[in-house]
Structure formats: structure tokens, C-alpha cells
Amino acid sequence: MAVLFTDKAAFRLRTFLREKSANSETLTKKGVRVGVIDGGCNGYEYTLEIIGQPNPDDLIFEQDKMFVYIDPKSAPLLDGIIIDFAESLTQAGFIFKNPNATNTCGCGKSFSVGECTPTGAPCS
């Protein structure tokens, strides 16, 4: 299982983790959950969230001095993904480069993977 963060993405996520832990004393295994949910205009949508504890069935690894959690259902869709962070005058956000995606949305947050992809919702 390989999920890789660029230096920029890892720096940004570690910043979020520090901010989150400063606001909560209960986070013992704070980390980043990377996942996939049904949604978006292509059928799947990426998720990133800061969490305090993994779920019992999560795949857990450590990268760039932070815990990374992935649910087992998302793992095959994320294997080999590279997560970057870009910032410009008009926007800032995470960029997902997924070798498993057969199609991606213009926004970069939605993708499909061949025949197993759920039905997408049109972009608004």
C-alpha cells in the first residue's frame, strides 16, 4: 500500500495536525485519514480529514512524522496515489495524482475507476 505526500502536502498536513492538537487534549493518535467516498461528478470523491483515533480496521502507517489512516475499502483505489499541495493567488488546495483513476473531473477532487465506479452527480 503506497500513499505518498509531497513535501508541500506533508508540511501543510503537519501544520493542521499541530493546530488541531493545540485545541484538543484528547487526541492520542492524531493523524490524517485519506479516503474515498461515493460522490462527485465522476463517481468517487477524495476525502482528507484530521482525526484523533483510527477506526479498528484502518490500515495504519507513518509517513513524514505523522500517522496516516486508510479504511480498507478505500485502499485499492488509493494505492500509488501522490498527494500534493498547491497555492496560488486564486486558490489553494490538495492535488491528487492517482494512477488508478481512469477519468478525473476538472476540479481534481472526483475520479472514476472503470466499471466499478458508482454513478456520478453532475457538477453544479
Protein backbone atom coordinates (compact mmCIF):
# COMPACT_ATOMS: atom_id res chain seq x y z
CA MET A 1 0.00 0.00 0.00
CA ALA A 2 1.55 3.26 -1.08
CA VAL A 3 0.16 6.72 -0.42
CA LEU A 4 2.79 9.39 -0.87
CA PHE A 5 2.75 13.05 0.15
CA THR A 6 4.94 15.65 -1.47
CA ASP A 7 6.98 17.83 0.89
CA LYS A 8 4.45 20.68 0.49
CA ALA A 9 1.46 18.45 1.27
CA ALA A 10 3.17 16.85 4.27
CA PHE A 11 4.16 20.27 5.65
CA ARG A 12 0.57 21.57 5.29
CA LEU A 13 -0.91 18.46 6.93
CA ARG A 14 1.57 18.59 9.85
CA THR A 15 0.52 22.23 10.35
CA PHE A 16 -3.14 21.18 10.51
CA LEU A 17 -2.25 18.41 12.97
CA ARG A 18 -0.40 20.84 15.26
CA GLU A 19 -3.32 23.28 15.19
CA LYS A 20 -5.81 20.50 15.94
CA SER A 21 -3.76 19.16 18.87
CA ALA A 22 -3.42 22.63 20.37
CA ASN A 23 -7.23 22.80 20.51
CA SER A 24 -7.84 19.31 21.95
CA GLU A 25 -6.16 17.36 24.69
CA THR A 26 -7.95 14.10 23.78
CA LEU A 27 -6.08 13.36 20.55
CA THR A 28 -3.73 10.50 21.35
CA LYS A 29 -3.13 9.09 17.88
CA LYS A 30 -3.92 12.14 15.83
CA GLY A 31 -3.34 11.65 12.17
CA VAL A 32 -4.62 12.12 8.67
CA ARG A 33 -7.39 9.95 7.27
CA VAL A 34 -7.18 9.59 3.50
CA GLY A 35 -10.22 8.07 1.89
CA VAL A 36 -12.65 7.73 -0.96
CA ILE A 37 -16.42 8.15 -0.80
CA ASP A 38 -19.15 7.73 -3.38
CA GLY A 39 -19.85 11.14 -4.87
CA GLY A 40 -18.56 13.84 -7.11
CA CYS A 41 -19.20 14.20 -10.81
CA ASN A 42 -17.16 11.09 -11.73
CA GLY A 43 -18.47 8.72 -9.07
CA TYR A 44 -15.76 8.80 -6.38
CA GLU A 45 -14.54 11.72 -4.32
CA TYR A 46 -11.34 12.05 -2.27
CA THR A 47 -11.51 12.84 1.44
CA LEU A 48 -8.84 14.14 3.79
CA GLU A 49 -9.50 14.74 7.46
CA ILE A 50 -7.62 15.20 10.70
CA ILE A 51 -8.70 12.61 13.28
CA GLY A 52 -7.76 11.71 16.83
CA GLN A 53 -8.09 7.93 16.71
CA PRO A 54 -8.09 5.35 13.92
CA ASN A 55 -11.01 3.01 13.32
CA PRO A 56 -10.30 -0.58 14.40
CA ASP A 57 -9.99 -1.85 10.81
CA ASP A 58 -7.93 1.06 9.42
CA LEU A 59 -4.63 0.46 7.67
CA ILE A 60 -2.10 2.50 9.64
CA PHE A 61 1.31 3.73 8.62
CA GLU A 62 3.59 6.60 9.46
CA GLN A 63 4.99 8.99 6.91
CA ASP A 64 6.64 12.38 7.21
CA LYS A 65 6.32 12.34 11.02
CA MET A 66 2.54 11.81 11.00
CA PHE A 67 0.13 8.91 11.24
CA VAL A 68 -1.82 8.12 8.07
CA TYR A 69 -5.06 6.12 8.28
CA ILE A 70 -6.84 4.47 5.35
CA ASP A 71 -10.01 2.44 5.53
CA PRO A 72 -9.71 -0.98 3.83
CA LYS A 73 -12.41 -0.20 1.24
CA SER A 74 -10.53 2.89 0.02
CA ALA A 75 -7.11 1.24 -0.03
CA PRO A 76 -7.27 -0.38 -3.51
CA LEU A 77 -8.48 2.89 -5.04
CA LEU A 78 -5.66 4.88 -3.41
CA ASP A 79 -2.68 2.57 -3.91
CA GLY A 80 0.11 4.56 -5.53
CA ILE A 81 -1.55 7.97 -5.14
CA ILE A 82 0.60 11.08 -4.76
CA ILE A 83 -0.94 13.93 -2.79
CA ASP A 84 0.46 17.40 -3.40
CA PHE A 85 -0.47 20.87 -2.20
CA ALA A 86 -0.63 23.90 -4.46
CA GLU A 87 -1.17 27.53 -3.57
CA SER A 88 -1.72 30.42 -5.94
CA LEU A 89 -3.31 33.86 -5.93
CA THR A 90 -6.74 32.43 -6.77
CA GLN A 91 -6.83 29.10 -4.94
CA ALA A 92 -5.11 26.70 -2.60
CA GLY A 93 -5.67 23.02 -2.01
CA PHE A 94 -4.57 19.44 -2.21
CA ILE A 95 -3.98 17.84 -5.60
CA PHE A 96 -4.44 14.10 -6.09
CA LYS A 97 -2.42 12.21 -8.71
CA ASN A 98 -3.99 8.77 -8.78
CA PRO A 99 -2.59 6.07 -11.09
CA ASN A 100 -5.80 4.04 -10.60
CA ALA A 101 -8.11 6.75 -11.96
CA THR A 102 -9.42 6.18 -15.47
CA ASN A 103 -11.07 9.61 -15.58
CA THR A 104 -10.91 12.72 -13.40
CA CYS A 105 -13.04 15.82 -13.02
CA GLY A 106 -11.74 19.27 -13.90
CA CYS A 107 -11.81 20.17 -10.20
CA GLY A 108 -9.41 17.30 -9.45
CA LYS A 109 -11.44 16.07 -6.47
CA SER A 110 -13.51 13.45 -8.28
CA PHE A 111 -12.49 10.40 -10.27
CA SER A 112 -13.68 7.14 -11.76
CA VAL A 113 -12.10 3.70 -11.93
CA GLY A 114 -13.51 1.76 -14.85
CA GLU A 115 -16.56 -0.48 -14.42
CA CYS A 116 -16.72 -0.45 -10.61
CA THR A 117 -17.39 3.29 -10.32
CA PRO A 118 -20.72 4.41 -8.86
CA THR A 119 -22.87 6.85 -10.82
CA GLY A 120 -21.59 10.40 -10.60
CA ALA A 121 -23.56 13.57 -9.97
CA PRO A 122 -23.30 16.44 -12.46
CA CYS A 123 -21.07 19.36 -11.46
CA SER A 124 -23.09 22.36 -10.34
